[in-house]
Amino acid sequence: MKVIDASVYHYGWVKPPKAQQAKQENFHKMWHDDAWMKKNIAATEEFDYSKIDSLAEFKDTHPKVMQDRVSKQNWDFKFDASKIKLSFKNKFLLIIEKHRVAAR
């Protein structure tokens, strides 16, 4: 493995809550039956971001290639990170991951 001085920005979850909910439903419909969908995917109009294991407000500068696209977004995203519910194991793994990233 070679460590390089680069940042990776992943915008796959950066969608209005209604669009993110539709993405989740469409994705899971490819792999699961209606019973699984009813049990595991909330029947709601907007995606519940509190189920995400690691979500934080981005306060840096977006890469130049994304700046125009981000500036054109017309939805207001409100999220309270204190409402994220993680198991002890996942909290521990998240701490390790953050430590590894910071150590680079």
PDB file of N, CA and C in Angstrom:
ATOM      1  N   MET A   1       0.847  -1.177   0.000  1.00  0.00           N
ATOM      2  CA  MET A   1       0.000   0.000   0.000  1.00  0.00           C
ATOM      3  C   MET A   1       0.890   1.237   0.000  1.00  0.00           C
ATOM      4  N   LYS A   2       0.504   2.205  -0.809  1.00  0.00           N
ATOM      5  CA  LYS A   2       1.230   3.462  -0.866  1.00  0.00           C
ATOM      6  C   LYS A   2       0.307   4.580  -0.394  1.00  0.00           C
ATOM      7  N   VAL A   3       0.757   5.324   0.589  1.00  0.00           N
ATOM      8  CA  VAL A   3      -0.013   6.445   1.101  1.00  0.00           C
ATOM      9  C   VAL A   3       0.276   7.664   0.234  1.00  0.00           C
ATOM     10  N   ILE A   4      -0.788   8.331  -0.200  1.00  0.00           N
ATOM     11  CA  ILE A   4      -0.636   9.533  -1.015  1.00  0.00           C
ATOM     12  C   ILE A   4      -1.358  10.698  -0.347  1.00  0.00           C
ATOM     13  N   ASP A   5      -0.970  11.888  -0.707  1.00  0.00           N
ATOM     14  CA  ASP A   5      -1.590  13.090  -0.158  1.00  0.00           C
ATOM     15  C   ASP A   5      -2.765  13.470  -1.055  1.00  0.00           C
ATOM     16  N   ALA A   6      -3.908  12.858  -0.789  1.00  0.00           N
ATOM     17  CA  ALA A   6      -5.094  13.110  -1.605  1.00  0.00           C
ATOM     18  C   ALA A   6      -6.336  12.955  -0.735  1.00  0.00           C
ATOM     19  N   SER A   7      -7.363  13.661  -1.128  1.00  0.00           N
ATOM     20  CA  SER A   7      -8.654  13.543  -0.449  1.00  0.00           C
ATOM     21  C   SER A   7      -9.663  12.972  -1.426  1.00  0.00           C
ATOM     22  N   VAL A   8     -10.565  12.146  -0.902  1.00  0.00           N
ATOM     23  CA  VAL A   8     -11.623  11.576  -1.721  1.00  0.00           C
ATOM     24  C   VAL A   8     -12.940  12.106  -1.183  1.00  0.00           C
ATOM     25  N   TYR A   9     -13.702  12.714  -2.044  1.00  0.00           N
ATOM     26  CA  TYR A   9     -15.012  13.240  -1.683  1.00  0.00           C
ATOM     27  C   TYR A   9     -16.066  12.368  -2.350  1.00  0.00           C
ATOM     28  N   HIS A  10     -16.943  11.806  -1.534  1.00  0.00           N
ATOM     29  CA  HIS A  10     -17.975  10.913  -2.051  1.00  0.00           C
ATOM     30  C   HIS A  10     -19.324  11.617  -1.945  1.00  0.00           C
ATOM     31  N   TYR A  11     -19.962  11.859  -3.070  1.00  0.00           N
ATOM     32  CA  TYR A  11     -21.218  12.593  -3.107  1.00  0.00           C
ATOM     33  C   TYR A  11     -22.428  11.686  -3.323  1.00  0.00           C
ATOM     34  N   GLY A  12     -22.263  10.395  -3.152  1.00  0.00           N
ATOM     35  CA  GLY A  12     -23.347   9.456  -3.391  1.00  0.00           C
ATOM     36  C   GLY A  12     -24.542   9.618  -2.464  1.00  0.00           C
ATOM     37  N   TRP A  13     -24.334  10.177  -1.301  1.00  0.00           N
ATOM     38  CA  TRP A  13     -25.422  10.384  -0.342  1.00  0.00           C
ATOM     39  C   TRP A  13     -25.889  11.831  -0.331  1.00  0.00           C
ATOM     40  N   VAL A  14     -25.338  12.641  -1.186  1.00  0.00           N
ATOM     41  CA  VAL A  14     -25.690  14.064  -1.211  1.00  0.00           C
ATOM     42  C   VAL A  14     -26.840  14.263  -2.192  1.00  0.00           C
ATOM     43  N   LYS A  15     -28.026  14.061  -1.659  1.00  0.00           N
ATOM     44  CA  LYS A  15     -29.251  14.191  -2.451  1.00  0.00           C
ATOM     45  C   LYS A  15     -30.320  14.778  -1.549  1.00  0.00           C
ATOM     46  N   PRO A  16     -31.287  15.445  -2.127  1.00  0.00           N
ATOM     47  CA  PRO A  16     -32.423  15.878  -1.302  1.00  0.00           C
ATOM     48  C   PRO A  16     -33.045  14.645  -0.629  1.00  0.00           C
ATOM     49  N   PRO A  17     -33.582  14.786   0.582  1.00  0.00           N
ATOM     50  CA  PRO A  17     -34.125  13.627   1.295  1.00  0.00           C
ATOM     51  C   PRO A  17     -35.147  12.811   0.498  1.00  0.00           C
ATOM     52  N   LYS A  18     -35.956  13.443  -0.338  1.00  0.00           N
ATOM     53  CA  LYS A  18     -36.926  12.685  -1.143  1.00  0.00           C
ATOM     54  C   LYS A  18     -36.206  11.833  -2.190  1.00  0.00           C
ATOM     55  N   ALA A  19     -35.190  12.399  -2.823  1.00  0.00           N
ATOM     56  CA  ALA A  19     -34.437  11.659  -3.835  1.00  0.00           C
ATOM     57  C   ALA A  19     -33.647  10.522  -3.196  1.00  0.00           C
ATOM     58  N   GLN A  20     -33.102  10.746  -2.003  1.00  0.00           N
ATOM     59  CA  GLN A  20     -32.347   9.688  -1.323  1.00  0.00           C
ATOM     60  C   GLN A  20     -33.263   8.537  -0.921  1.00  0.00           C
ATOM     61  N   GLN A  21     -34.486   8.846  -0.508  1.00  0.00           N
ATOM     62  CA  GLN A  21     -35.440   7.794  -0.166  1.00  0.00           C
ATOM     63  C   GLN A  21     -35.772   6.962  -1.399  1.00  0.00           C
ATOM     64  N   ALA A  22     -35.999   7.630  -2.519  1.00  0.00           N
ATOM     65  CA  ALA A  22     -36.299   6.915  -3.769  1.00  0.00           C
ATOM     66  C   ALA A  22     -35.121   6.040  -4.186  1.00  0.00           C
ATOM     67  N   LYS A  23     -33.894   6.548  -4.010  1.00  0.00           N
ATOM     68  CA  LYS A  23     -32.703   5.769  -4.352  1.00  0.00           C
ATOM     69  C   LYS A  23     -32.647   4.493  -3.518  1.00  0.00           C
ATOM     70  N   GLN A  24     -32.895   4.615  -2.204  1.00  0.00           N
ATOM     71  CA  GLN A  24     -32.858   3.451  -1.336  1.00  0.00           C
ATOM     72  C   GLN A  24     -33.923   2.423  -1.734  1.00  0.00           C
ATOM     73  N   GLU A  25     -35.126   2.896  -1.991  1.00  0.00           N
ATOM     74  CA  GLU A  25     -36.206   1.983  -2.369  1.00  0.00           C
ATOM     75  C   GLU A  25     -35.876   1.268  -3.672  1.00  0.00           C
ATOM     76  N   ASN A  26     -35.443   2.009  -4.677  1.00  0.00           N
ATOM     77  CA  ASN A  26     -35.135   1.401  -5.977  1.00  0.00           C
ATOM     78  C   ASN A  26     -33.987   0.403  -5.880  1.00  0.00           C
ATOM     79  N   PHE A  27     -32.962   0.733  -5.113  1.00  0.00           N
ATOM     80  CA  PHE A  27     -31.829  -0.171  -4.960  1.00  0.00           C
ATOM     81  C   PHE A  27     -32.265  -1.481  -4.309  1.00  0.00           C
ATOM     82  N   HIS A  28     -32.960  -1.387  -3.184  1.00  0.00           N
ATOM     83  CA  HIS A  28     -33.325  -2.596  -2.447  1.00  0.00           C
ATOM     84  C   HIS A  28     -34.367  -3.439  -3.167  1.00  0.00           C
ATOM     85  N   LYS A  29     -35.199  -2.820  -3.994  1.00  0.00           N
ATOM     86  CA  LYS A  29     -36.191  -3.584  -4.767  1.00  0.00           C
ATOM     87  C   LYS A  29     -35.517  -4.546  -5.743  1.00  0.00           C
ATOM     88  N   MET A  30     -34.293  -4.219  -6.154  1.00  0.00           N
ATOM     89  CA  MET A  30     -33.574  -5.110  -7.072  1.00  0.00           C
ATOM     90  C   MET A  30     -33.164  -6.406  -6.386  1.00  0.00           C
ATOM     91  N   TRP A  31     -32.992  -6.372  -5.068  1.00  0.00           N
ATOM     92  CA  TRP A  31     -32.425  -7.518  -4.360  1.00  0.00           C
ATOM     93  C   TRP A  31     -33.378  -8.198  -3.378  1.00  0.00           C
ATOM     94  N   HIS A  32     -34.477  -7.529  -3.034  1.00  0.00           N
ATOM     95  CA  HIS A  32     -35.339  -8.048  -1.978  1.00  0.00           C
ATOM     96  C   HIS A  32     -36.798  -8.074  -2.407  1.00  0.00           C
ATOM     97  N   ASP A  33     -37.567  -8.962  -1.767  1.00  0.00           N
ATOM     98  CA  ASP A  33     -38.990  -9.064  -2.064  1.00  0.00           C
ATOM     99  C   ASP A  33     -39.783  -8.010  -1.278  1.00  0.00           C
ATOM    100  N   ASP A  34     -41.089  -7.951  -1.546  1.00  0.00           N
ATOM    101  CA  ASP A  34     -41.942  -6.947  -0.911  1.00  0.00           C
ATOM    102  C   ASP A  34     -41.992  -7.094   0.609  1.00  0.00           C
ATOM    103  N   ALA A  35     -41.954  -8.312   1.114  1.00  0.00           N
ATOM    104  CA  ALA A  35     -41.997  -8.526   2.567  1.00  0.00           C
ATOM    105  C   ALA A  35     -40.757  -7.924   3.226  1.00  0.00           C
ATOM    106  N   TRP A  36     -39.587  -8.144   2.620  1.00  0.00           N
ATOM    107  CA  TRP A  36     -38.347  -7.579   3.163  1.00  0.00           C
ATOM    108  C   TRP A  36     -38.405  -6.056   3.111  1.00  0.00           C
ATOM    109  N   MET A  37     -38.891  -5.532   2.007  1.00  0.00           N
ATOM    110  CA  MET A  37     -38.996  -4.078   1.859  1.00  0.00           C
ATOM    111  C   MET A  37     -39.880  -3.488   2.956  1.00  0.00           C
ATOM    112  N   LYS A  38     -41.016  -4.110   3.188  1.00  0.00           N
ATOM    113  CA  LYS A  38     -41.950  -3.598   4.188  1.00  0.00           C
ATOM    114  C   LYS A  38     -41.327  -3.610   5.579  1.00  0.00           C
ATOM    115  N   LYS A  39     -40.537  -4.638   5.872  1.00  0.00           N
ATOM    116  CA  LYS A  39     -39.915  -4.775   7.190  1.00  0.00           C
ATOM    117  C   LYS A  39     -38.705  -3.856   7.376  1.00  0.00           C
ATOM    118  N   ASN A  40     -37.936  -3.613   6.315  1.00  0.00           N
ATOM    119  CA  ASN A  40     -36.640  -2.949   6.456  1.00  0.00           C
ATOM    120  C   ASN A  40     -36.538  -1.536   5.895  1.00  0.00           C
ATOM    121  N   ILE A  41     -37.434  -1.156   5.016  1.00  0.00           N
ATOM    122  CA  ILE A  41     -37.364   0.176   4.406  1.00  0.00           C
ATOM    123  C   ILE A  41     -38.599   0.965   4.826  1.00  0.00           C
ATOM    124  N   ALA A  42     -38.360   2.055   5.494  1.00  0.00           N
ATOM    125  CA  ALA A  42     -39.467   2.873   6.008  1.00  0.00           C
ATOM    126  C   ALA A  42     -40.343   3.374   4.868  1.00  0.00           C
ATOM    127  N   ALA A  43     -41.642   3.281   5.079  1.00  0.00           N
ATOM    128  CA  ALA A  43     -42.603   3.805   4.106  1.00  0.00           C
ATOM    129  C   ALA A  43     -42.776   5.295   4.406  1.00  0.00           C
ATOM    130  N   THR A  44     -41.855   6.073   3.907  1.00  0.00           N
ATOM    131  CA  THR A  44     -41.845   7.502   4.177  1.00  0.00           C
ATOM    132  C   THR A  44     -41.474   8.253   2.913  1.00  0.00           C
ATOM    133  N   GLU A  45     -41.788   9.514   2.892  1.00  0.00           N
ATOM    134  CA  GLU A  45     -41.497  10.317   1.709  1.00  0.00           C
ATOM    135  C   GLU A  45     -40.034  10.766   1.678  1.00  0.00           C
ATOM    136  N   GLU A  46     -39.463  11.011   2.868  1.00  0.00           N
ATOM    137  CA  GLU A  46     -38.092  11.510   2.934  1.00  0.00           C
ATOM    138  C   GLU A  46     -37.200  10.547   3.700  1.00  0.00           C
ATOM    139  N   PHE A  47     -35.966  10.415   3.250  1.00  0.00           N
ATOM    140  CA  PHE A  47     -34.983   9.532   3.855  1.00  0.00           C
ATOM    141  C   PHE A  47     -34.630  10.011   5.263  1.00  0.00           C
ATOM    142  N   ASP A  48     -34.467   9.056   6.191  1.00  0.00           N
ATOM    143  CA  ASP A  48     -34.094   9.350   7.571  1.00  0.00           C
ATOM    144  C   ASP A  48     -32.582   9.219   7.704  1.00  0.00           C
ATOM    145  N   TYR A  49     -31.895  10.340   7.687  1.00  0.00           N
ATOM    146  CA  TYR A  49     -30.435  10.333   7.735  1.00  0.00           C
ATOM    147  C   TYR A  49     -29.890   9.936   9.105  1.00  0.00           C
ATOM    148  N   SER A  50     -30.724   9.839  10.137  1.00  0.00           N
ATOM    149  CA  SER A  50     -30.231   9.469  11.467  1.00  0.00           C
ATOM    150  C   SER A  50     -29.758   8.020  11.520  1.00  0.00           C
ATOM    151  N   LYS A  51     -30.080   7.238  10.490  1.00  0.00           N
ATOM    152  CA  LYS A  51     -29.644   5.839  10.445  1.00  0.00           C
ATOM    153  C   LYS A  51     -28.243   5.684   9.837  1.00  0.00           C
ATOM    154  N   ILE A  52     -27.689   6.765   9.353  1.00  0.00           N
ATOM    155  CA  ILE A  52     -26.350   6.738   8.761  1.00  0.00           C
ATOM    156  C   ILE A  52     -25.320   6.651   9.882  1.00  0.00           C
ATOM    157  N   ASP A  53     -24.323   5.794   9.729  1.00  0.00           N
ATOM    158  CA  ASP A  53     -23.379   5.594  10.822  1.00  0.00           C
ATOM    159  C   ASP A  53     -22.377   6.730  11.001  1.00  0.00           C
ATOM    160  N   SER A  54     -22.122   7.501   9.986  1.00  0.00           N
ATOM    161  CA  SER A  54     -21.152   8.580  10.121  1.00  0.00           C
ATOM    162  C   SER A  54     -21.552   9.706   9.170  1.00  0.00           C
ATOM    163  N   LEU A  55     -22.145  10.718   9.739  1.00  0.00           N
ATOM    164  CA  LEU A  55     -22.602  11.841   8.931  1.00  0.00           C
ATOM    165  C   LEU A  55     -22.245  13.125   9.664  1.00  0.00           C
ATOM    166  N   ALA A  56     -21.635  14.039   8.951  1.00  0.00           N
ATOM    167  CA  ALA A  56     -21.267  15.316   9.544  1.00  0.00           C
ATOM    168  C   ALA A  56     -21.410  16.394   8.488  1.00  0.00           C
ATOM    169  N   GLU A  57     -21.655  17.600   8.939  1.00  0.00           N
ATOM    170  CA  GLU A  57     -21.763  18.712   8.009  1.00  0.00           C
ATOM    171  C   GLU A  57     -20.402  18.978   7.374  1.00  0.00           C
ATOM    172  N   PHE A  58     -20.391  19.152   6.074  1.00  0.00           N
ATOM    173  CA  PHE A  58     -19.161  19.445   5.350  1.00  0.00           C
ATOM    174  C   PHE A  58     -18.889  20.940   5.444  1.00  0.00           C
ATOM    175  N   LYS A  59     -17.779  21.315   6.049  1.00  0.00           N
ATOM    176  CA  LYS A  59     -17.470  22.730   6.270  1.00  0.00           C
ATOM    177  C   LYS A  59     -16.244  23.188   5.496  1.00  0.00           C
ATOM    178  N   ASP A  60     -15.750  22.344   4.637  1.00  0.00           N
ATOM    179  CA  ASP A  60     -14.563  22.653   3.846  1.00  0.00           C
ATOM    180  C   ASP A  60     -14.994  23.226   2.496  1.00  0.00           C
ATOM    181  N   THR A  61     -14.073  23.395   1.599  1.00  0.00           N
ATOM    182  CA  THR A  61     -14.373  23.860   0.252  1.00  0.00           C
ATOM    183  C   THR A  61     -14.557  22.643  -0.649  1.00  0.00           C
ATOM    184  N   HIS A  62     -15.636  22.657  -1.417  1.00  0.00           N
ATOM    185  CA  HIS A  62     -15.863  21.551  -2.340  1.00  0.00           C
ATOM    186  C   HIS A  62     -14.823  21.607  -3.459  1.00  0.00           C
ATOM    187  N   PRO A  63     -14.468  20.445  -4.000  1.00  0.00           N
ATOM    188  CA  PRO A  63     -13.544  20.434  -5.141  1.00  0.00           C
ATOM    189  C   PRO A  63     -14.120  21.284  -6.274  1.00  0.00           C
ATOM    190  N   LYS A  64     -13.258  21.905  -7.032  1.00  0.00           N
ATOM    191  CA  LYS A  64     -13.690  22.816  -8.097  1.00  0.00           C
ATOM    192  C   LYS A  64     -14.702  22.174  -9.043  1.00  0.00           C
ATOM    193  N   VAL A  65     -14.515  20.901  -9.354  1.00  0.00           N
ATOM    194  CA  VAL A  65     -15.395  20.210 -10.291  1.00  0.00           C
ATOM    195  C   VAL A  65     -16.826  20.103  -9.748  1.00  0.00           C
ATOM    196  N   MET A  66     -17.014  20.226  -8.437  1.00  0.00           N
ATOM    197  CA  MET A  66     -18.337  20.101  -7.824  1.00  0.00           C
ATOM    198  C   MET A  66     -18.949  21.433  -7.398  1.00  0.00           C
ATOM    199  N   GLN A  67     -18.180  22.501  -7.377  1.00  0.00           N
ATOM    200  CA  GLN A  67     -18.660  23.764  -6.821  1.00  0.00           C
ATOM    201  C   GLN A  67     -19.921  24.287  -7.512  1.00  0.00           C
ATOM    202  N   ASP A  68     -19.979  24.268  -8.822  1.00  0.00           N
ATOM    203  CA  ASP A  68     -21.145  24.765  -9.543  1.00  0.00           C
ATOM    204  C   ASP A  68     -22.372  23.922  -9.225  1.00  0.00           C
ATOM    205  N   ARG A  69     -22.202  22.614  -9.245  1.00  0.00           N
ATOM    206  CA  ARG A  69     -23.325  21.713  -8.966  1.00  0.00           C
ATOM    207  C   ARG A  69     -23.861  21.919  -7.543  1.00  0.00           C
ATOM    208  N   VAL A  70     -22.981  22.013  -6.577  1.00  0.00           N
ATOM    209  CA  VAL A  70     -23.390  22.192  -5.183  1.00  0.00           C
ATOM    210  C   VAL A  70     -24.092  23.532  -4.998  1.00  0.00           C
ATOM    211  N   SER A  71     -23.588  24.564  -5.637  1.00  0.00           N
ATOM    212  CA  SER A  71     -24.186  25.897  -5.474  1.00  0.00           C
ATOM    213  C   SER A  71     -25.598  25.976  -6.055  1.00  0.00           C
ATOM    214  N   LYS A  72     -25.933  25.078  -6.980  1.00  0.00           N
ATOM    215  CA  LYS A  72     -27.262  25.083  -7.607  1.00  0.00           C
ATOM    216  C   LYS A  72     -28.302  24.299  -6.818  1.00  0.00           C
ATOM    217  N   GLN A  73     -27.902  23.651  -5.739  1.00  0.00           N
ATOM    218  CA  GLN A  73     -28.860  22.869  -4.952  1.00  0.00           C
ATOM    219  C   GLN A  73     -29.863  23.800  -4.294  1.00  0.00           C
ATOM    220  N   ASN A  74     -31.112  23.414  -4.290  1.00  0.00           N
ATOM    221  CA  ASN A  74     -32.164  24.277  -3.758  1.00  0.00           C
ATOM    222  C   ASN A  74     -32.912  23.618  -2.600  1.00  0.00           C
ATOM    223  N   TRP A  75     -32.252  22.777  -1.862  1.00  0.00           N
ATOM    224  CA  TRP A  75     -32.892  22.137  -0.722  1.00  0.00           C
ATOM    225  C   TRP A  75     -32.100  22.436   0.541  1.00  0.00           C
ATOM    226  N   ASP A  76     -32.832  22.570   1.624  1.00  0.00           N
ATOM    227  CA  ASP A  76     -32.244  22.898   2.913  1.00  0.00           C
ATOM    228  C   ASP A  76     -32.111  21.615   3.721  1.00  0.00           C
ATOM    229  N   PHE A  77     -30.911  21.299   4.124  1.00  0.00           N
ATOM    230  CA  PHE A  77     -30.661  20.068   4.860  1.00  0.00           C
ATOM    231  C   PHE A  77     -30.404  20.388   6.324  1.00  0.00           C
ATOM    232  N   LYS A  78     -31.267  19.889   7.178  1.00  0.00           N
ATOM    233  CA  LYS A  78     -31.119  20.051   8.621  1.00  0.00           C
ATOM    234  C   LYS A  78     -30.886  18.662   9.213  1.00  0.00           C
ATOM    235  N   PHE A  79     -29.845  18.542  10.006  1.00  0.00           N
ATOM    236  CA  PHE A  79     -29.533  17.244  10.591  1.00  0.00           C
ATOM    237  C   PHE A  79     -28.891  17.438  11.955  1.00  0.00           C
ATOM    238  N   ASP A  80     -29.324  16.669  12.924  1.00  0.00           N
ATOM    239  CA  ASP A  80     -28.777  16.708  14.266  1.00  0.00           C
ATOM    240  C   ASP A  80     -27.947  15.447  14.468  1.00  0.00           C
ATOM    241  N   ALA A  81     -26.621  15.577  14.389  1.00  0.00           N
ATOM    242  CA  ALA A  81     -25.724  14.424  14.493  1.00  0.00           C
ATOM    243  C   ALA A  81     -25.828  13.743  15.854  1.00  0.00           C
ATOM    244  N   SER A  82     -26.318  14.433  16.864  1.00  0.00           N
ATOM    245  CA  SER A  82     -26.445  13.817  18.189  1.00  0.00           C
ATOM    246  C   SER A  82     -27.526  12.739  18.204  1.00  0.00           C
ATOM    247  N   LYS A  83     -28.368  12.692  17.171  1.00  0.00           N
ATOM    248  CA  LYS A  83     -29.439  11.693  17.106  1.00  0.00           C
ATOM    249  C   LYS A  83     -28.997  10.391  16.451  1.00  0.00           C
ATOM    250  N   ILE A  84     -27.750  10.327  15.990  1.00  0.00           N
ATOM    251  CA  ILE A  84     -27.247   9.095  15.386  1.00  0.00           C
ATOM    252  C   ILE A  84     -27.149   8.029  16.472  1.00  0.00           C
ATOM    253  N   LYS A  85     -27.719   6.874  16.218  1.00  0.00           N
ATOM    254  CA  LYS A  85     -27.718   5.765  17.175  1.00  0.00           C
ATOM    255  C   LYS A  85     -26.814   4.659  16.640  1.00  0.00           C
ATOM    256  N   LEU A  86     -25.683   4.444  17.305  1.00  0.00           N
ATOM    257  CA  LEU A  86     -24.748   3.400  16.907  1.00  0.00           C
ATOM    258  C   LEU A  86     -24.594   2.384  18.030  1.00  0.00           C
ATOM    259  N   SER A  87     -24.360   1.151  17.650  1.00  0.00           N
ATOM    260  CA  SER A  87     -24.052   0.129  18.646  1.00  0.00           C
ATOM    261  C   SER A  87     -22.659   0.417  19.204  1.00  0.00           C
ATOM    262  N   PHE A  88     -22.344  -0.169  20.345  1.00  0.00           N
ATOM    263  CA  PHE A  88     -21.013   0.013  20.931  1.00  0.00           C
ATOM    264  C   PHE A  88     -19.935  -0.391  19.934  1.00  0.00           C
ATOM    265  N   LYS A  89     -20.146  -1.539  19.270  1.00  0.00           N
ATOM    266  CA  LYS A  89     -19.167  -2.041  18.294  1.00  0.00           C
ATOM    267  C   LYS A  89     -18.940  -1.017  17.186  1.00  0.00           C
ATOM    268  N   ASN A  90     -20.015  -0.468  16.627  1.00  0.00           N
ATOM    269  CA  ASN A  90     -19.870   0.488  15.529  1.00  0.00           C
ATOM    270  C   ASN A  90     -19.265   1.810  15.996  1.00  0.00           C
ATOM    271  N   LYS A  91     -19.564   2.242  17.205  1.00  0.00           N
ATOM    272  CA  LYS A  91     -18.918   3.446  17.757  1.00  0.00           C
ATOM    273  C   LYS A  91     -17.416   3.219  17.861  1.00  0.00           C
ATOM    274  N   PHE A  92     -17.043   2.046  18.375  1.00  0.00           N
ATOM    275  CA  PHE A  92     -15.634   1.701  18.527  1.00  0.00           C
ATOM    276  C   PHE A  92     -14.923   1.663  17.173  1.00  0.00           C
ATOM    277  N   LEU A  93     -15.552   1.015  16.194  1.00  0.00           N
ATOM    278  CA  LEU A  93     -14.956   0.941  14.854  1.00  0.00           C
ATOM    279  C   LEU A  93     -14.823   2.319  14.216  1.00  0.00           C
ATOM    280  N   LEU A  94     -15.793   3.194  14.444  1.00  0.00           N
ATOM    281  CA  LEU A  94     -15.734   4.552  13.904  1.00  0.00           C
ATOM    282  C   LEU A  94     -14.570   5.331  14.519  1.00  0.00           C
ATOM    283  N   ILE A  95     -14.358   5.162  15.813  1.00  0.00           N
ATOM    284  CA  ILE A  95     -13.231   5.824  16.484  1.00  0.00           C
ATOM    285  C   ILE A  95     -11.912   5.347  15.896  1.00  0.00           C
ATOM    286  N   ILE A  96     -11.791   4.042  15.677  1.00  0.00           N
ATOM    287  CA  ILE A  96     -10.569   3.496  15.073  1.00  0.00           C
ATOM    288  C   ILE A  96     -10.361   4.068  13.682  1.00  0.00           C
ATOM    289  N   GLU A  97     -11.417   4.100  12.882  1.00  0.00           N
ATOM    290  CA  GLU A  97     -11.312   4.625  11.513  1.00  0.00           C
ATOM    291  C   GLU A  97     -10.880   6.086  11.518  1.00  0.00           C
ATOM    292  N   LYS A  98     -11.478   6.893  12.369  1.00  0.00           N
ATOM    293  CA  LYS A  98     -11.097   8.316  12.455  1.00  0.00           C
ATOM    294  C   LYS A  98      -9.655   8.470  12.882  1.00  0.00           C
ATOM    295  N   HIS A  99      -9.236   7.627  13.799  1.00  0.00           N
ATOM    296  CA  HIS A  99      -7.833   7.670  14.267  1.00  0.00           C
ATOM    297  C   HIS A  99      -6.870   7.302  13.141  1.00  0.00           C
ATOM    298  N   ARG A 100      -7.223   6.292  12.352  1.00  0.00           N
ATOM    299  CA  ARG A 100      -6.378   5.881  11.224  1.00  0.00           C
ATOM    300  C   ARG A 100      -6.263   6.992  10.198  1.00  0.00           C
ATOM    301  N   VAL A 101      -7.380   7.644   9.896  1.00  0.00           N
ATOM    302  CA  VAL A 101      -7.366   8.728   8.914  1.00  0.00           C
ATOM    303  C   VAL A 101      -6.523   9.898   9.435  1.00  0.00           C
ATOM    304  N   ALA A 102      -6.693  10.244  10.708  1.00  0.00           N
ATOM    305  CA  ALA A 102      -5.942  11.359  11.291  1.00  0.00           C
ATOM    306  C   ALA A 102      -4.453  11.075  11.346  1.00  0.00           C
ATOM    307  N   ALA A 103      -4.080   9.805  11.477  1.00  0.00           N
ATOM    308  CA  ALA A 103      -2.675   9.421  11.592  1.00  0.00           C
ATOM    309  C   ALA A 103      -1.942   9.524  10.255  1.00  0.00           C
ATOM    310  N   ARG A 104      -2.652   9.601   9.172  1.00  0.00           N
ATOM    311  CA  ARG A 104      -1.993   9.634   7.849  1.00  0.00           C
ATOM    312  C   ARG A 104      -1.356  10.941   7.577  1.00  0.00           C
TER     313      ARG A 104
END
